[in-house]
Structure formats: C-alpha cells, structure tokens
Amino acid sequence: MRSTARPPAEGVGDLAALLAAIRACRLCAAHLPLGPKPTLVAAASARILIAGQAPGTKVHVTGIPWNDASGDRLRRWLGLDRTTFYDARRIAIVPMGFCYPGKNASGDLPPRPECAATWHDPLLAELAKVELIVAAGSYAHAYHLGRKRKATLTETVRAWRTFRPTVVPIPHPSWHNNRWLKDNPWFEAETIPYLRARVARLIAAE
C-alpha cells in the first residue's frame, strides 16, 4: 500500500509536521525486506548535518542512527562523544535513504531513491542554520555536491578543500573501506584534523 504522505504545502507545514510525515512514509514499503522504519534526527537549531547512506540492520532494530561500528568510527573522526553526537539541537542526521534497503551479493543495497526525491529538499529547507554538511559516501556526495563532485569517490574526498567550509566529503566509515583508508593515509592525516576542528568550533559557538 502506497503512503499518502507528501511534503507539506509551501508555507504551511513546519519541521515537526514534516518529520511526522517522513516517519509515516510508506512510499517504498513493497521494496523493503524489513518494512519501513524511517530513521533520522533533525531540529531547526542544528548547525551540523551528517549525511550518510541508509540504515543498516542494527540501526533498523534500535531506531538509533549510526548505532553500529561505522557510527563508532564516525564519532572518532568527528571527535564527538555519543551524547553530543545524538544531541538533535546541535546535529541533524539525515541519510540519503531513511529505511534499511536490504542486501545484495556485495553488501547493503543503495538507498531507495524515493527519499531524496520526495523529502530531502523540503527537509533541508527547514534546516536553515546548518553550516557544515559531513557527506559520508558516494550517494551523499552526489546529492550534496551535485556536479561539483569528481569522477570517483577518492578524487572527491581528496578535493575536500574545494568544498569547505559548507561540505566536507568523506568515505563511508564502514569496515568495507578499511583498505581504502590504508591506501589513502592522507585522509586521516589531513582531512580528519580539519573536520574535527571545524566541528569543535561549531559546537563551542553555541
């Protein structure tokens, strides 16, 4: 059954109404092996936005975004403890897909396209105070950088200085990228110190 949920009409809904509509969304329920469970965090006061791929199975069960080993690594990269990371007043967590998409032979499937097409533009319009978008993975790069992204993930991440201070592209912190991190030591030597400092400044400025 398709959801009748749609973004609130322009000038009508506020962020609370929009989040309620997103959490009630069933647009792609037929394609989700574990069923719909939109998982995101957002508040109008947030100055940092974490844009990832889509929830994994552990996140689906707990309903807590980045509540897995990838989240542990991401928090280390950002220099944040769990309390600060999950403080919606400071940090919005908006993945490209809000529900667990399932698996294929190589890992999790891509995020369902319905989320970005239906919800992301109106949601980001409500997050007007965001000053930093941490875009994790190629799907987030594609949406938040558009034509500015480079031909490959590595080239995009290597060009992070081009996109600052608004967007910092990073690889997904999954263990699948351990080899990438080993082959690209400049990322943790150069990008991560800048990212930690930028995050710390935005948190401290509140």
Protein backbone atom coordinates (compact mmCIF):
# COMPACT_ATOMS: atom_id res chain seq x y z
CA MET A 1 0.00 0.00 0.00
CA ARG A 2 1.43 3.34 -1.03
CA SER A 3 1.59 6.10 1.53
CA THR A 4 -0.47 9.21 1.01
CA ALA A 5 2.24 11.17 2.85
CA ARG A 6 3.65 14.07 0.90
CA PRO A 7 5.73 17.12 1.86
CA PRO A 8 3.59 19.84 3.44
CA ALA A 9 2.47 22.55 1.03
CA GLU A 10 4.78 25.53 0.77
CA GLY A 11 4.31 27.91 3.66
CA VAL A 12 2.05 25.50 5.55
CA GLY A 13 3.98 22.82 7.43
CA ASP A 14 6.75 23.32 9.95
CA LEU A 15 9.62 20.98 10.74
CA ALA A 16 7.61 18.96 13.27
CA ALA A 17 4.87 18.29 10.71
CA LEU A 18 7.43 17.40 8.07
CA LEU A 19 9.21 14.94 10.36
CA ALA A 20 5.88 13.34 11.27
CA ALA A 21 5.09 12.91 7.58
CA ILE A 22 8.51 11.37 6.91
CA ARG A 23 8.16 8.92 9.78
CA ALA A 24 4.74 7.90 8.46
CA CYS A 25 6.03 7.45 4.91
CA ARG A 26 5.33 4.12 3.18
CA LEU A 27 6.24 5.08 -0.39
CA CYS A 28 8.65 2.20 -0.97
CA ALA A 29 7.33 -0.31 1.59
CA ALA A 30 6.98 -3.01 -1.05
CA HIS A 31 10.75 -2.90 -1.69
CA LEU A 32 11.94 -3.04 1.94
CA PRO A 33 12.70 -6.52 3.29
CA LEU A 34 12.27 -5.46 6.93
CA GLY A 35 9.49 -2.99 6.26
CA PRO A 36 9.56 0.80 6.56
CA LYS A 37 11.10 2.41 9.64
CA PRO A 38 12.32 5.88 8.68
CA THR A 39 15.27 6.80 10.88
CA LEU A 40 16.60 10.36 11.08
CA VAL A 41 17.27 13.14 13.57
CA ALA A 42 16.62 16.82 12.92
CA ALA A 43 15.98 20.08 14.73
CA ALA A 44 15.79 23.61 13.37
CA SER A 45 18.68 24.71 15.60
CA ALA A 46 21.19 22.14 14.22
CA ARG A 47 24.36 23.64 12.75
CA ILE A 48 25.92 20.35 11.63
CA LEU A 49 24.32 17.80 9.33
CA ILE A 50 25.53 14.22 8.97
CA ALA A 51 24.50 12.79 5.60
CA GLY A 52 25.12 9.07 5.24
CA GLN A 53 23.79 6.29 3.05
CA ALA A 54 20.95 4.34 4.69
CA PRO A 55 20.36 2.49 7.96
CA GLY A 56 21.81 -0.98 8.45
CA THR A 57 20.06 -3.83 10.23
CA LYS A 58 21.22 -2.82 13.72
CA VAL A 59 20.01 0.73 13.19
CA HIS A 60 16.71 -0.61 11.89
CA VAL A 61 16.22 -2.67 15.05
CA THR A 62 17.22 0.07 17.51
CA GLY A 63 15.88 3.07 15.65
CA ILE A 64 19.10 4.93 16.51
CA PRO A 65 21.10 6.22 13.52
CA TRP A 66 24.79 5.29 13.31
CA ASN A 67 24.31 2.91 16.25
CA ASP A 68 26.92 0.44 15.00
CA ALA A 69 30.65 0.04 14.38
CA SER A 70 30.50 2.52 11.50
CA GLY A 71 29.00 5.06 13.87
CA ASP A 72 31.78 4.45 16.39
CA ARG A 73 34.37 5.22 13.72
CA LEU A 74 32.45 8.27 12.50
CA ARG A 75 32.30 9.68 16.03
CA ARG A 76 36.06 9.19 16.38
CA TRP A 77 36.59 11.02 13.09
CA LEU A 78 34.42 13.90 14.29
CA GLY A 79 35.87 13.97 17.80
CA LEU A 80 32.43 13.61 19.38
CA ASP A 81 31.06 11.50 22.21
CA ARG A 82 27.68 9.81 21.86
CA THR A 83 25.86 12.40 23.96
CA THR A 84 26.91 15.28 21.74
CA PHE A 85 26.53 13.28 18.52
CA TYR A 86 22.90 12.49 19.34
CA ASP A 87 22.00 15.98 20.53
CA ALA A 88 19.45 16.94 17.88
CA ARG A 89 19.70 20.60 18.85
CA ARG A 90 23.26 20.55 17.53
CA ILE A 91 23.48 17.79 14.96
CA ALA A 92 20.98 16.64 12.33
CA ILE A 93 21.37 13.11 10.98
CA VAL A 94 19.74 12.80 7.56
CA PRO A 95 20.76 9.76 5.49
CA MET A 96 20.08 9.57 1.77
CA GLY A 97 17.67 6.72 2.45
CA PHE A 98 15.67 6.67 5.69
CA CYS A 99 14.96 2.91 5.78
CA TYR A 100 17.06 -0.24 5.57
CA PRO A 101 17.10 -1.13 1.84
CA GLY A 102 18.18 -4.79 2.02
CA LYS A 103 21.26 -6.60 0.77
CA ASN A 104 22.80 -7.87 -2.42
CA ALA A 105 25.84 -10.08 -3.01
CA SER A 106 28.31 -7.29 -2.21
CA GLY A 107 26.63 -5.71 0.81
CA ASP A 108 23.73 -3.36 1.52
CA LEU A 109 21.68 -2.16 -1.42
CA PRO A 110 21.78 1.52 -2.39
CA PRO A 111 19.40 3.84 -0.54
CA ARG A 112 15.95 3.92 -2.09
CA PRO A 113 15.67 6.93 -4.43
CA GLU A 114 12.21 7.89 -3.19
CA CYS A 115 13.63 9.51 -0.04
CA ALA A 116 15.78 12.11 -1.74
CA ALA A 117 13.22 12.78 -4.46
CA THR A 118 10.35 13.26 -2.01
CA TRP A 119 11.76 14.52 1.26
CA HIS A 120 15.27 15.95 1.16
CA ASP A 121 14.65 19.33 -0.44
CA PRO A 122 11.81 20.34 1.92
CA LEU A 123 13.69 18.93 4.91
CA LEU A 124 16.91 20.80 4.17
CA ALA A 125 14.91 23.98 3.64
CA GLU A 126 13.79 23.68 7.28
CA LEU A 127 17.39 23.17 8.48
CA ALA A 128 18.38 26.73 7.66
CA LYS A 129 21.03 27.02 10.39
CA VAL A 130 23.21 24.18 9.11
CA GLU A 131 26.73 25.44 8.40
CA LEU A 132 28.52 22.13 7.86
CA ILE A 133 27.41 19.05 5.97
CA VAL A 134 29.51 15.94 6.54
CA ALA A 135 28.74 13.87 3.43
CA ALA A 136 29.66 10.23 4.04
CA GLY A 137 29.86 8.06 0.94
CA SER A 138 29.23 8.46 -2.76
CA TYR A 139 25.42 8.75 -2.53
CA ALA A 140 25.70 11.69 -0.13
CA HIS A 141 28.42 13.21 -2.33
CA ALA A 142 26.15 13.00 -5.36
CA TYR A 143 23.27 14.77 -3.64
CA HIS A 144 25.10 17.43 -1.65
CA LEU A 145 27.82 18.24 -4.19
CA GLY A 146 25.96 17.61 -7.43
CA ARG A 147 28.04 18.48 -10.48
CA LYS A 148 30.87 19.70 -8.27
CA ARG A 149 31.83 16.18 -7.22
CA LYS A 150 34.69 14.49 -9.00
CA ALA A 151 34.68 11.34 -11.14
CA THR A 152 35.45 8.98 -8.25
CA LEU A 153 34.93 8.88 -4.51
CA THR A 154 38.69 9.13 -3.93
CA GLU A 155 39.02 12.20 -6.12
CA THR A 156 36.01 13.81 -4.44
CA VAL A 157 37.34 13.21 -0.94
CA ARG A 158 40.85 14.32 -1.94
CA ALA A 159 39.35 17.61 -3.18
CA TRP A 160 37.71 18.34 0.20
CA ARG A 161 39.38 21.74 0.44
CA THR A 162 37.43 22.79 -2.65
CA PHE A 163 34.09 22.25 -0.94
CA ARG A 164 34.80 23.61 2.54
CA PRO A 165 33.53 25.15 4.72
CA THR A 166 29.98 24.09 3.79
CA VAL A 167 30.51 20.45 2.77
CA VAL A 168 33.24 18.01 3.75
CA PRO A 169 33.04 14.76 1.74
CA ILE A 170 34.34 11.65 3.48
CA PRO A 171 34.28 7.92 2.70
CA HIS A 172 31.68 5.87 4.49
CA PRO A 173 33.20 4.79 7.83
CA SER A 174 32.25 1.15 7.25
CA TRP A 175 34.81 -1.63 7.70
CA HIS A 176 34.38 -2.22 3.96
CA ASN A 177 36.57 0.86 3.50
CA ASN A 178 39.46 -0.33 5.66
CA ARG A 179 41.55 -0.99 2.56
CA TRP A 180 40.70 2.45 1.19
CA LEU A 181 41.86 4.07 4.43
CA LYS A 182 45.10 2.10 4.31
CA ASP A 183 45.71 3.13 0.69
CA ASN A 184 44.86 6.80 1.36
CA PRO A 185 46.60 7.76 4.62
CA TRP A 186 46.33 11.45 3.71
CA PHE A 187 42.63 11.31 4.66
CA GLU A 188 43.22 10.69 8.37
CA ALA A 189 46.36 12.82 8.36
CA GLU A 190 44.86 15.89 6.65
CA THR A 191 41.07 15.79 6.34
CA ILE A 192 40.19 14.45 9.78
CA PRO A 193 42.11 17.13 11.78
CA TYR A 194 40.33 19.87 9.79
CA LEU A 195 36.96 18.19 10.23
CA ARG A 196 37.42 17.75 13.99
CA ALA A 197 38.44 21.37 14.39
CA ARG A 198 35.51 22.63 12.32
CA VAL A 199 33.04 20.50 14.28
CA ALA A 200 34.54 21.64 17.60
CA ARG A 201 34.23 25.30 16.60
CA LEU A 202 30.57 24.93 15.64
CA ILE A 203 29.76 23.06 18.85
CA ALA A 204 31.63 25.59 21.00
CA ALA A 205 29.98 28.57 19.30
CA GLU A 206 26.51 27.62 20.52
